[in-house]
Every structure is written in C-alpha cells, then in structure tokens.
Amino acid sequence: MQMENTSLIIMVGGESSRMKRSLKTKEGQKGIMDNIPHKSLIPVGKNGRPFLYYLVQNAVEAGYAKLYLITSPENQAFQSLIDNKDLPVGLEVFLAVQSVPEGRKKPLGTADALQQCLDQYPELKQTIFTVCNGDNLYSVGALKDLRQDRTAPHALISYGSSGFDYTEERIAKFAVMDISSDGFLQQIIEKPNVWDVPKYKDASGELRVSMNIFSFSGETIYPYLKNCPVDPVRDEKELPKAVAILVGEQPRSVLCIPRSEHIPDLTDANDIQLFKNLE
C-alpha cells in the first residue's frame, strides 16, 4: 500500500498487576508503583527517565510524527508527562482514553482500547498506523520496518524466538504464528500447548512469535475491533483474537516481517535492573 505510516499508537492503560505484585516482594523497590499508574512510567536508566521515554525516542528515530497514547481515565500522570515536555521532542502527542463500559469493573481489553482510540481520532481510520505495547522496548529497526510500503493492508513483526534472551518457559507464554511460505499470517495462537509448539516452526526450524507490534489499515481493521468477541476466560476483547478472525476471513492480508533480536520488556521487578545503563 502506498499510504505513508507516520502514526504510532502505544497502549499504556493496563493495570500492571503482575509488576505490582512482584515489587511488593522486592527489597528496595517496595512501593515504587504506589503513585505510578502504569509500568511504562517506571523510572529507569542512568537519568531516571520513564521507560516510555526510550520507546518514544526509538519512534522518533524511526520517523514517526504523531504519537497516540491509549490511557485509562485516570491519566493525569501521562498528561503531566506531555505538559512538562518529559518525552523526546519531534512528535505530536495525543491522549486517547479507554473508558470502562457501564456495569464492568475493568477495561474491555486491547481490541476495545484500539477501537476507542480510532473512535476518538477518526483520522486514524483513513490511514496506516503502527500499534504496540507500552512495556516492550521495540527497536528502531522494528518500528521502521512497519513504515515501509507494502502490498498487504496489515503487517506485524514476526520475531524468531532464537533471538530472545528469555527462558523457554517465558517464551512459551508468547503467541506463536503459523506463517505461509510466502510470508503471510495464517494463524496466531495465544499460549499454545507445549507439545503443539514444534509444528509451528518455519522451514528453517525457527519458531516465530508475536510481541504485539502491528501495523494496520484503520479502515480495514476497524470492523474486526468492533466485532471482536469477548474471551470467555479473560473477559476481554483481545487484539490478537481480532487479528486471528481477520486472517481467517481475509487470507494474505497480514504480512509477517521477520526479525531476530531481543526485546527488553518490563514484566516484573527483576526486569527493572536490565535498563540501568540507558542514557
């Protein structure tokens, strides 16, 4: 598609319950999130900047011009980040608020978050954009890959698991992908059974996994976000499920862009030290 992708959407509205639980048992870091609503705001690196700063910095280097942060209604910390100019310069920054539906105690999931963002900024429905999590430090290269011209309306980065510096136990919790011989997503499988994993390896013997970084055509993905079913276990509308339904109905619509590299992320308290050398 010949439409330029200059918009990045980052999901930063999650409750970070796993991080909060692990911090409670970590000496020296207890209470670190008492006043921090999302782990993307945890101070890291030599200068104590929020984790999100470094992800946004990579986005600037990758050539993005607009940044949309999907937050919860209690988003004053993110608003302050923008007001105080505590993010790298070079991007227009917008806040999208994922409201909780009446009768629910928690948000309706990542597919709903993206739908609400597109509803609040309808211009996104007329363009190509990238969307990712706020607690993974995606590389400049990965962010740049999703800006390249392509024939398919959608794309995602397919990471070779051999490039990760994670335990096999942790990798087993990622979503694996079934990819066609010409590089299109055929199926995305969340948390597969251990004995099923080998059958998803590609011709080179590499297991390809999703780290939730996608590029979508807003117009084409929107109906799948809106109509995404609620997962019966998690009670949420999940973005990978919307993508799975999309590729089932529209084969060859999601291009898989291969990369092999480690992605630092913030899952629990032990991960904070991994970013101590960031400038």
C-alpha atoms as a PDB file:
ATOM      1  CA  MET A   1       0.000   0.000   0.000  1.00  0.00           C
ATOM      2  CA  GLN A   2       1.337   3.452  -0.892  1.00  0.00           C
ATOM      3  CA  MET A   3      -0.032   5.303   2.160  1.00  0.00           C
ATOM      4  CA  GLU A   4       2.639   6.702   4.466  1.00  0.00           C
ATOM      5  CA  ASN A   5       2.658   5.428   8.039  1.00  0.00           C
ATOM      6  CA  THR A   6       3.686   8.243  10.395  1.00  0.00           C
ATOM      7  CA  SER A   7       1.420   7.471  13.380  1.00  0.00           C
ATOM      8  CA  LEU A   8       2.319   5.284  16.354  1.00  0.00           C
ATOM      9  CA  ILE A   9      -0.247   4.175  18.930  1.00  0.00           C
ATOM     10  CA  ILE A  10       1.086   2.903  22.265  1.00  0.00           C
ATOM     11  CA  MET A  11      -1.150   1.092  24.739  1.00  0.00           C
ATOM     12  CA  VAL A  12      -0.326   2.288  28.251  1.00  0.00           C
ATOM     13  CA  GLY A  13      -3.644   1.774  30.012  1.00  0.00           C
ATOM     14  CA  GLY A  14      -3.123  -1.629  31.654  1.00  0.00           C
ATOM     15  CA  GLU A  15      -3.238  -2.126  35.409  1.00  0.00           C
ATOM     16  CA  SER A  16       0.255  -3.705  35.700  1.00  0.00           C
ATOM     17  CA  SER A  17      -0.951  -6.085  38.415  1.00  0.00           C
ATOM     18  CA  ARG A  18       1.888  -8.599  37.884  1.00  0.00           C
ATOM     19  CA  MET A  19       4.507  -5.867  38.232  1.00  0.00           C
ATOM     20  CA  LYS A  20       2.863  -4.528  41.391  1.00  0.00           C
ATOM     21  CA  ARG A  21       2.767  -7.998  42.947  1.00  0.00           C
ATOM     22  CA  SER A  22       6.437  -8.657  42.212  1.00  0.00           C
ATOM     23  CA  LEU A  23       7.518  -5.257  43.533  1.00  0.00           C
ATOM     24  CA  LYS A  24       5.859  -5.950  46.869  1.00  0.00           C
ATOM     25  CA  THR A  25       8.339  -8.774  47.450  1.00  0.00           C
ATOM     26  CA  LYS A  26      11.412  -6.988  46.064  1.00  0.00           C
ATOM     27  CA  GLU A  27      13.555  -5.353  48.732  1.00  0.00           C
ATOM     28  CA  GLY A  28      14.451  -1.756  47.913  1.00  0.00           C
ATOM     29  CA  GLN A  29      11.666  -1.404  45.368  1.00  0.00           C
ATOM     30  CA  LYS A  30       8.560  -1.798  47.503  1.00  0.00           C
ATOM     31  CA  GLY A  31       6.071   0.970  46.916  1.00  0.00           C
ATOM     32  CA  ILE A  32       7.699   2.098  43.657  1.00  0.00           C
ATOM     33  CA  MET A  33       4.330   1.938  41.880  1.00  0.00           C
ATOM     34  CA  ASP A  34       2.194   3.396  44.646  1.00  0.00           C
ATOM     35  CA  ASN A  35       1.864   6.613  42.645  1.00  0.00           C
ATOM     36  CA  ILE A  36       2.658   5.215  39.180  1.00  0.00           C
ATOM     37  CA  PRO A  37      -0.423   4.084  37.228  1.00  0.00           C
ATOM     38  CA  HIS A  38       1.425   2.095  34.545  1.00  0.00           C
ATOM     39  CA  LYS A  39       4.774   0.348  34.374  1.00  0.00           C
ATOM     40  CA  SER A  40       5.727   2.344  31.264  1.00  0.00           C
ATOM     41  CA  LEU A  41       6.207   5.272  33.697  1.00  0.00           C
ATOM     42  CA  ILE A  42       8.649   3.431  35.982  1.00  0.00           C
ATOM     43  CA  PRO A  43      11.908   5.416  36.141  1.00  0.00           C
ATOM     44  CA  VAL A  44      14.809   3.514  34.575  1.00  0.00           C
ATOM     45  CA  GLY A  45      18.300   4.190  33.291  1.00  0.00           C
ATOM     46  CA  LYS A  46      21.050   6.484  34.487  1.00  0.00           C
ATOM     47  CA  ASN A  47      18.837   9.568  34.454  1.00  0.00           C
ATOM     48  CA  GLY A  48      15.702   8.031  35.964  1.00  0.00           C
ATOM     49  CA  ARG A  49      13.568   8.730  32.926  1.00  0.00           C
ATOM     50  CA  PRO A  50      10.264   6.875  32.492  1.00  0.00           C
ATOM     51  CA  PHE A  51      10.561   3.639  30.492  1.00  0.00           C
ATOM     52  CA  LEU A  52       8.169   5.133  27.919  1.00  0.00           C
ATOM     53  CA  TYR A  53      10.737   7.836  27.104  1.00  0.00           C
ATOM     54  CA  TYR A  54      13.073   5.318  25.483  1.00  0.00           C
ATOM     55  CA  LEU A  55      10.352   3.700  23.404  1.00  0.00           C
ATOM     56  CA  VAL A  56       9.231   7.119  22.163  1.00  0.00           C
ATOM     57  CA  GLN A  57      12.853   8.033  21.435  1.00  0.00           C
ATOM     58  CA  ASN A  58      13.102   4.966  19.169  1.00  0.00           C
ATOM     59  CA  ALA A  59       9.868   6.003  17.451  1.00  0.00           C
ATOM     60  CA  VAL A  60      11.290   9.444  16.693  1.00  0.00           C
ATOM     61  CA  GLU A  61      14.423   7.849  15.211  1.00  0.00           C
ATOM     62  CA  ALA A  62      12.210   5.526  13.142  1.00  0.00           C
ATOM     63  CA  GLY A  63      10.485   8.529  11.545  1.00  0.00           C
ATOM     64  CA  TYR A  64       7.088   8.674  13.251  1.00  0.00           C
ATOM     65  CA  ALA A  65       5.492  12.116  13.512  1.00  0.00           C
ATOM     66  CA  LYS A  66       2.369  11.501  15.621  1.00  0.00           C
ATOM     67  CA  LEU A  67       2.057   9.605  18.898  1.00  0.00           C
ATOM     68  CA  TYR A  68      -1.228   8.433  20.407  1.00  0.00           C
ATOM     69  CA  LEU A  69      -1.148   7.115  23.983  1.00  0.00           C
ATOM     70  CA  ILE A  70      -4.127   4.956  24.957  1.00  0.00           C
ATOM     71  CA  THR A  71      -4.613   5.507  28.676  1.00  0.00           C
ATOM     72  CA  SER A  72      -7.150   4.863  31.388  1.00  0.00           C
ATOM     73  CA  PRO A  73      -9.409   7.729  32.542  1.00  0.00           C
ATOM     74  CA  GLU A  74      -7.005   8.273  35.460  1.00  0.00           C
ATOM     75  CA  ASN A  75      -4.345   9.585  33.124  1.00  0.00           C
ATOM     76  CA  GLN A  76      -3.025  12.659  34.907  1.00  0.00           C
ATOM     77  CA  ALA A  77       0.482  11.179  35.054  1.00  0.00           C
ATOM     78  CA  PHE A  78       0.586  10.905  31.261  1.00  0.00           C
ATOM     79  CA  GLN A  79      -0.894  14.371  30.821  1.00  0.00           C
ATOM     80  CA  SER A  80       1.810  15.733  33.123  1.00  0.00           C
ATOM     81  CA  LEU A  81       4.444  13.937  31.067  1.00  0.00           C
ATOM     82  CA  ILE A  82       3.209  15.808  27.990  1.00  0.00           C
ATOM     83  CA  ASP A  83       2.698  19.157  29.737  1.00  0.00           C
ATOM     84  CA  ASN A  84       6.173  19.047  31.293  1.00  0.00           C
ATOM     85  CA  LYS A  85       7.734  18.065  27.953  1.00  0.00           C
ATOM     86  CA  ASP A  86       9.267  14.957  29.520  1.00  0.00           C
ATOM     87  CA  LEU A  87       9.077  12.969  26.272  1.00  0.00           C
ATOM     88  CA  PRO A  88      11.550  13.254  23.375  1.00  0.00           C
ATOM     89  CA  VAL A  89      10.829  16.135  21.003  1.00  0.00           C
ATOM     90  CA  GLY A  90       9.783  15.545  17.413  1.00  0.00           C
ATOM     91  CA  LEU A  91       6.304  14.084  17.850  1.00  0.00           C
ATOM     92  CA  GLU A  92       2.802  15.483  18.177  1.00  0.00           C
ATOM     93  CA  VAL A  93       1.325  13.681  21.182  1.00  0.00           C
ATOM     94  CA  PHE A  94      -2.354  12.863  21.733  1.00  0.00           C
ATOM     95  CA  LEU A  95      -4.130  11.068  24.571  1.00  0.00           C
ATOM     96  CA  ALA A  96      -6.919   8.576  23.895  1.00  0.00           C
ATOM     97  CA  VAL A  97      -8.928   7.437  26.914  1.00  0.00           C
ATOM     98  CA  GLN A  98     -10.207   3.872  27.165  1.00  0.00           C
ATOM     99  CA  SER A  99     -13.343   4.201  29.256  1.00  0.00           C
ATOM    100  CA  VAL A 100     -14.759   1.257  31.180  1.00  0.00           C
ATOM    101  CA  PRO A 101     -18.221   0.186  29.949  1.00  0.00           C
ATOM    102  CA  GLU A 102     -21.086   0.635  32.384  1.00  0.00           C
ATOM    103  CA  GLY A 103     -21.527  -2.428  34.557  1.00  0.00           C
ATOM    104  CA  ARG A 104     -17.871  -3.501  34.304  1.00  0.00           C
ATOM    105  CA  LYS A 105     -15.065  -3.051  36.829  1.00  0.00           C
ATOM    106  CA  LYS A 106     -12.176  -3.268  34.371  1.00  0.00           C
ATOM    107  CA  PRO A 107     -11.476  -2.207  30.762  1.00  0.00           C
ATOM    108  CA  LEU A 108     -12.707  -4.375  27.912  1.00  0.00           C
ATOM    109  CA  GLY A 109      -9.284  -5.324  26.549  1.00  0.00           C
ATOM    110  CA  THR A 110      -6.790  -4.336  23.871  1.00  0.00           C
ATOM    111  CA  ALA A 111      -9.112  -4.631  20.845  1.00  0.00           C
ATOM    112  CA  ASP A 112     -11.558  -2.330  22.608  1.00  0.00           C
ATOM    113  CA  ALA A 113      -8.726   0.053  23.517  1.00  0.00           C
ATOM    114  CA  LEU A 114      -7.708   0.396  19.884  1.00  0.00           C
ATOM    115  CA  GLN A 115     -11.327   0.797  18.769  1.00  0.00           C
ATOM    116  CA  GLN A 116     -11.884   3.601  21.284  1.00  0.00           C
ATOM    117  CA  CYS A 117      -8.712   5.320  20.067  1.00  0.00           C
ATOM    118  CA  LEU A 118      -9.948   5.198  16.460  1.00  0.00           C
ATOM    119  CA  ASP A 119     -13.351   6.483  17.546  1.00  0.00           C
ATOM    120  CA  GLN A 120     -11.735   9.451  19.319  1.00  0.00           C
ATOM    121  CA  TYR A 121      -9.360  10.184  16.430  1.00  0.00           C
ATOM    122  CA  PRO A 122     -11.328   9.276  13.271  1.00  0.00           C
ATOM    123  CA  GLU A 123      -8.456  10.368  11.022  1.00  0.00           C
ATOM    124  CA  LEU A 124      -6.750   7.118  12.005  1.00  0.00           C
ATOM    125  CA  LYS A 125      -9.487   5.188  10.189  1.00  0.00           C
ATOM    126  CA  GLN A 126      -8.283   6.757   6.947  1.00  0.00           C
ATOM    127  CA  THR A 127      -4.614   5.922   7.272  1.00  0.00           C
ATOM    128  CA  ILE A 128      -1.997   3.300   8.086  1.00  0.00           C
ATOM    129  CA  PHE A 129      -0.605   3.266  11.631  1.00  0.00           C
ATOM    130  CA  THR A 130       1.536   1.177  13.973  1.00  0.00           C
ATOM    131  CA  VAL A 131       0.319  -0.037  17.362  1.00  0.00           C
ATOM    132  CA  CYS A 132       2.324  -1.641  20.162  1.00  0.00           C
ATOM    133  CA  ASN A 133       2.532  -2.265  23.903  1.00  0.00           C
ATOM    134  CA  GLY A 134       3.980   0.323  26.247  1.00  0.00           C
ATOM    135  CA  ASP A 135       6.087  -2.100  28.281  1.00  0.00           C
ATOM    136  CA  ASN A 136       8.289  -3.503  25.485  1.00  0.00           C
ATOM    137  CA  LEU A 137      11.317  -1.603  24.192  1.00  0.00           C
ATOM    138  CA  TYR A 138      10.901  -2.230  20.468  1.00  0.00           C
ATOM    139  CA  SER A 139      13.938  -1.376  18.347  1.00  0.00           C
ATOM    140  CA  VAL A 140      14.241   1.477  15.869  1.00  0.00           C
ATOM    141  CA  GLY A 141      14.569  -1.157  13.142  1.00  0.00           C
ATOM    142  CA  ALA A 142      11.309  -2.914  14.038  1.00  0.00           C
ATOM    143  CA  LEU A 143       9.406   0.373  14.216  1.00  0.00           C
ATOM    144  CA  LYS A 144      10.918   1.422  10.896  1.00  0.00           C
ATOM    145  CA  ASP A 145      10.061  -1.917   9.229  1.00  0.00           C
ATOM    146  CA  LEU A 146       6.369  -1.258   9.814  1.00  0.00           C
ATOM    147  CA  ARG A 147       6.607   2.088   7.998  1.00  0.00           C
ATOM    148  CA  GLN A 148       7.767   0.530   4.724  1.00  0.00           C
ATOM    149  CA  ASP A 149       5.480   0.364   1.682  1.00  0.00           C
ATOM    150  CA  ARG A 150       3.781  -2.994   1.287  1.00  0.00           C
ATOM    151  CA  THR A 151       1.065  -4.609  -0.806  1.00  0.00           C
ATOM    152  CA  ALA A 152      -0.858  -6.018   2.172  1.00  0.00           C
ATOM    153  CA  PRO A 153      -3.140  -3.739   4.242  1.00  0.00           C
ATOM    154  CA  HIS A 154      -1.672  -5.002   7.533  1.00  0.00           C
ATOM    155  CA  ALA A 155       1.643  -6.257   8.891  1.00  0.00           C
ATOM    156  CA  LEU A 156       3.303  -7.422  12.076  1.00  0.00           C
ATOM    157  CA  ILE A 157       6.823  -8.233  13.176  1.00  0.00           C
ATOM    158  CA  SER A 158       7.428 -11.978  13.433  1.00  0.00           C
ATOM    159  CA  TYR A 159      10.257 -12.499  15.889  1.00  0.00           C
ATOM    160  CA  GLY A 160      12.492 -15.546  15.717  1.00  0.00           C
ATOM    161  CA  SER A 161      12.476 -16.936  19.241  1.00  0.00           C
ATOM    162  CA  SER A 162      16.164 -17.906  18.991  1.00  0.00           C
ATOM    163  CA  GLY A 163      16.979 -14.191  19.073  1.00  0.00           C
ATOM    164  CA  PHE A 164      15.414 -13.712  22.509  1.00  0.00           C
ATOM    165  CA  ASP A 165      17.354 -13.690  25.740  1.00  0.00           C
ATOM    166  CA  TYR A 166      14.441 -15.279  27.578  1.00  0.00           C
ATOM    167  CA  THR A 167      13.915 -18.652  29.206  1.00  0.00           C
ATOM    168  CA  GLU A 168      11.966 -21.275  27.274  1.00  0.00           C
ATOM    169  CA  GLU A 169       9.303 -21.065  29.975  1.00  0.00           C
ATOM    170  CA  ARG A 170       8.806 -17.364  29.291  1.00  0.00           C
ATOM    171  CA  ILE A 171       8.849 -17.812  25.501  1.00  0.00           C
ATOM    172  CA  ALA A 172       6.134 -20.466  25.857  1.00  0.00           C
ATOM    173  CA  LYS A 173       3.803 -17.719  27.138  1.00  0.00           C
ATOM    174  CA  PHE A 174       4.105 -15.696  23.926  1.00  0.00           C
ATOM    175  CA  ALA A 175       1.753 -16.014  20.950  1.00  0.00           C
ATOM    176  CA  VAL A 176       3.190 -18.178  18.158  1.00  0.00           C
ATOM    177  CA  MET A 177       2.428 -17.749  14.476  1.00  0.00           C
ATOM    178  CA  ASP A 178       1.613 -20.030  11.593  1.00  0.00           C
ATOM    179  CA  ILE A 179       3.047 -18.285   8.520  1.00  0.00           C
ATOM    180  CA  SER A 180       2.572 -19.190   4.869  1.00  0.00           C
ATOM    181  CA  SER A 181       5.576 -19.968   2.671  1.00  0.00           C
ATOM    182  CA  ASP A 182       5.240 -16.530   1.051  1.00  0.00           C
ATOM    183  CA  GLY A 183       5.238 -14.682   4.372  1.00  0.00           C
ATOM    184  CA  PHE A 184       1.596 -14.088   5.300  1.00  0.00           C
ATOM    185  CA  LEU A 185      -0.012 -14.762   8.658  1.00  0.00           C
ATOM    186  CA  GLN A 186      -2.289 -17.792   8.592  1.00  0.00           C
ATOM    187  CA  GLN A 187      -2.941 -18.187  12.286  1.00  0.00           C
ATOM    188  CA  ILE A 188      -1.921 -16.645  15.597  1.00  0.00           C
ATOM    189  CA  ILE A 189      -2.027 -18.915  18.636  1.00  0.00           C
ATOM    190  CA  GLU A 190      -2.003 -17.472  22.140  1.00  0.00           C
ATOM    191  CA  LYS A 191      -0.165 -19.583  24.739  1.00  0.00           C
ATOM    192  CA  PRO A 192      -0.100 -22.849  22.729  1.00  0.00           C
ATOM    193  CA  ASN A 193       0.184 -26.260  24.330  1.00  0.00           C
ATOM    194  CA  VAL A 194       3.858 -27.168  24.775  1.00  0.00           C
ATOM    195  CA  TRP A 195       3.528 -30.284  22.609  1.00  0.00           C
ATOM    196  CA  ASP A 196       1.975 -28.275  19.770  1.00  0.00           C
ATOM    197  CA  VAL A 197       4.803 -25.716  19.549  1.00  0.00           C
ATOM    198  CA  PRO A 198       7.128 -27.716  17.209  1.00  0.00           C
ATOM    199  CA  LYS A 199       4.529 -27.839  14.438  1.00  0.00           C
ATOM    200  CA  TYR A 200       4.550 -24.063  14.152  1.00  0.00           C
ATOM    201  CA  LYS A 201       8.275 -23.829  13.357  1.00  0.00           C
ATOM    202  CA  ASP A 202       9.060 -22.497   9.895  1.00  0.00           C
ATOM    203  CA  ALA A 203      11.129 -24.192   7.185  1.00  0.00           C
ATOM    204  CA  SER A 204      14.360 -23.075   8.842  1.00  0.00           C
ATOM    205  CA  GLY A 205      13.279 -24.581  12.165  1.00  0.00           C
ATOM    206  CA  GLU A 206      12.625 -21.173  13.713  1.00  0.00           C
ATOM    207  CA  LEU A 207       9.648 -20.575  15.972  1.00  0.00           C
ATOM    208  CA  ARG A 208       8.053 -17.257  15.065  1.00  0.00           C
ATOM    209  CA  VAL A 209       6.304 -15.341  17.829  1.00  0.00           C
ATOM    210  CA  SER A 210       4.292 -12.137  18.115  1.00  0.00           C
ATOM    211  CA  MET A 211       5.312  -9.415  20.552  1.00  0.00           C
ATOM    212  CA  ASN A 212       2.195  -7.361  19.866  1.00  0.00           C
ATOM    213  CA  ILE A 213       3.602  -4.830  17.424  1.00  0.00           C
ATOM    214  CA  PHE A 214       1.375  -4.414  14.373  1.00  0.00           C
ATOM    215  CA  SER A 215       0.696  -2.020  11.524  1.00  0.00           C
ATOM    216  CA  PHE A 216      -2.916  -1.737  10.394  1.00  0.00           C
ATOM    217  CA  SER A 217      -5.044  -0.061   7.804  1.00  0.00           C
ATOM    218  CA  GLY A 218      -7.500   1.734  10.076  1.00  0.00           C
ATOM    219  CA  GLU A 219     -10.417   1.371   7.691  1.00  0.00           C
ATOM    220  CA  THR A 220      -9.963  -2.387   7.262  1.00  0.00           C
ATOM    221  CA  ILE A 221      -9.167  -3.355  10.862  1.00  0.00           C
ATOM    222  CA  TYR A 222     -11.931  -1.284  12.481  1.00  0.00           C
ATOM    223  CA  PRO A 223     -14.842  -3.725  11.950  1.00  0.00           C
ATOM    224  CA  TYR A 224     -12.766  -6.541  13.451  1.00  0.00           C
ATOM    225  CA  LEU A 225     -12.047  -4.478  16.546  1.00  0.00           C
ATOM    226  CA  LYS A 226     -15.695  -3.568  16.941  1.00  0.00           C
ATOM    227  CA  ASN A 227     -16.965  -7.118  16.433  1.00  0.00           C
ATOM    228  CA  CYS A 228     -14.220  -8.921  18.343  1.00  0.00           C
ATOM    229  CA  PRO A 229     -15.791 -11.484  20.716  1.00  0.00           C
ATOM    230  CA  VAL A 230     -15.150 -11.309  24.443  1.00  0.00           C
ATOM    231  CA  ASP A 231     -12.745 -14.021  25.584  1.00  0.00           C
ATOM    232  CA  PRO A 232     -14.651 -16.306  27.968  1.00  0.00           C
ATOM    233  CA  VAL A 233     -11.679 -16.745  30.316  1.00  0.00           C
ATOM    234  CA  ARG A 234     -10.127 -13.268  30.411  1.00  0.00           C
ATOM    235  CA  ASP A 235     -13.449 -11.482  29.886  1.00  0.00           C
ATOM    236  CA  GLU A 236     -11.802  -9.083  27.426  1.00  0.00           C
ATOM    237  CA  LYS A 237     -11.766  -8.296  23.706  1.00  0.00           C
ATOM    238  CA  GLU A 238      -8.184  -9.110  22.750  1.00  0.00           C
ATOM    239  CA  LEU A 239      -6.362  -7.660  19.755  1.00  0.00           C
ATOM    240  CA  PRO A 240      -4.715 -10.986  18.739  1.00  0.00           C
ATOM    241  CA  LYS A 241      -8.193 -12.536  18.543  1.00  0.00           C
ATOM    242  CA  ALA A 242      -9.382  -9.757  16.246  1.00  0.00           C
ATOM    243  CA  VAL A 243      -6.326 -10.380  14.046  1.00  0.00           C
ATOM    244  CA  ALA A 244      -6.987 -14.127  14.051  1.00  0.00           C
ATOM    245  CA  ILE A 245     -10.541 -13.583  12.811  1.00  0.00           C
ATOM    246  CA  LEU A 246      -9.260 -11.099  10.222  1.00  0.00           C
ATOM    247  CA  VAL A 247      -6.803 -13.557   8.657  1.00  0.00           C
ATOM    248  CA  GLY A 248      -9.441 -16.289   8.730  1.00  0.00           C
ATOM    249  CA  GLU A 249     -11.762 -14.144   6.634  1.00  0.00           C
ATOM    250  CA  GLN A 250      -9.125 -12.278   4.619  1.00  0.00           C
ATOM    251  CA  PRO A 251      -6.143 -14.546   3.817  1.00  0.00           C
ATOM    252  CA  ARG A 252      -2.914 -12.820   2.762  1.00  0.00           C
ATOM    253  CA  SER A 253      -3.975  -9.566   4.426  1.00  0.00           C
ATOM    254  CA  VAL A 254      -1.334  -9.567   7.187  1.00  0.00           C
ATOM    255  CA  LEU A 255       2.296  -9.561   6.078  1.00  0.00           C
ATOM    256  CA  CYS A 256       4.807 -11.061   8.529  1.00  0.00           C
ATOM    257  CA  ILE A 257       8.086  -9.127   8.672  1.00  0.00           C
ATOM    258  CA  PRO A 258      10.821 -11.328  10.167  1.00  0.00           C
ATOM    259  CA  ARG A 259      13.313 -10.043  12.717  1.00  0.00           C
ATOM    260  CA  SER A 260      15.666 -11.777  15.112  1.00  0.00           C
ATOM    261  CA  GLU A 261      16.599  -9.704  18.163  1.00  0.00           C
ATOM    262  CA  HIS A 262      15.939  -9.466  21.854  1.00  0.00           C
ATOM    263  CA  ILE A 263      13.162  -7.175  23.060  1.00  0.00           C
ATOM    264  CA  PRO A 264      13.704  -5.886  26.594  1.00  0.00           C
ATOM    265  CA  ASP A 265      10.429  -5.639  28.477  1.00  0.00           C
ATOM    266  CA  LEU A 266       9.025  -4.785  31.876  1.00  0.00           C
ATOM    267  CA  THR A 267       7.134  -7.773  33.202  1.00  0.00           C
ATOM    268  CA  ASP A 268       8.181  -7.913  36.832  1.00  0.00           C
ATOM    269  CA  ALA A 269      10.517  -6.257  39.324  1.00  0.00           C
ATOM    270  CA  ASN A 270      13.577  -8.219  38.180  1.00  0.00           C
ATOM    271  CA  ASP A 271      13.379  -6.564  34.754  1.00  0.00           C
ATOM    272  CA  ILE A 272      13.955  -3.018  36.033  1.00  0.00           C
ATOM    273  CA  GLN A 273      17.698  -3.598  36.521  1.00  0.00           C
ATOM    274  CA  LEU A 274      18.042  -4.562  32.837  1.00  0.00           C
ATOM    275  CA  PHE A 275      17.645  -0.902  31.894  1.00  0.00           C
ATOM    276  CA  LYS A 276      20.124   0.575  34.363  1.00  0.00           C
ATOM    277  CA  ASN A 277      22.605   1.587  31.634  1.00  0.00           C
ATOM    278  CA  LEU A 278      20.149   3.519  29.453  1.00  0.00           C
ATOM    279  CA  GLU A 279      21.287   7.115  28.900  1.00  0.00           C
END
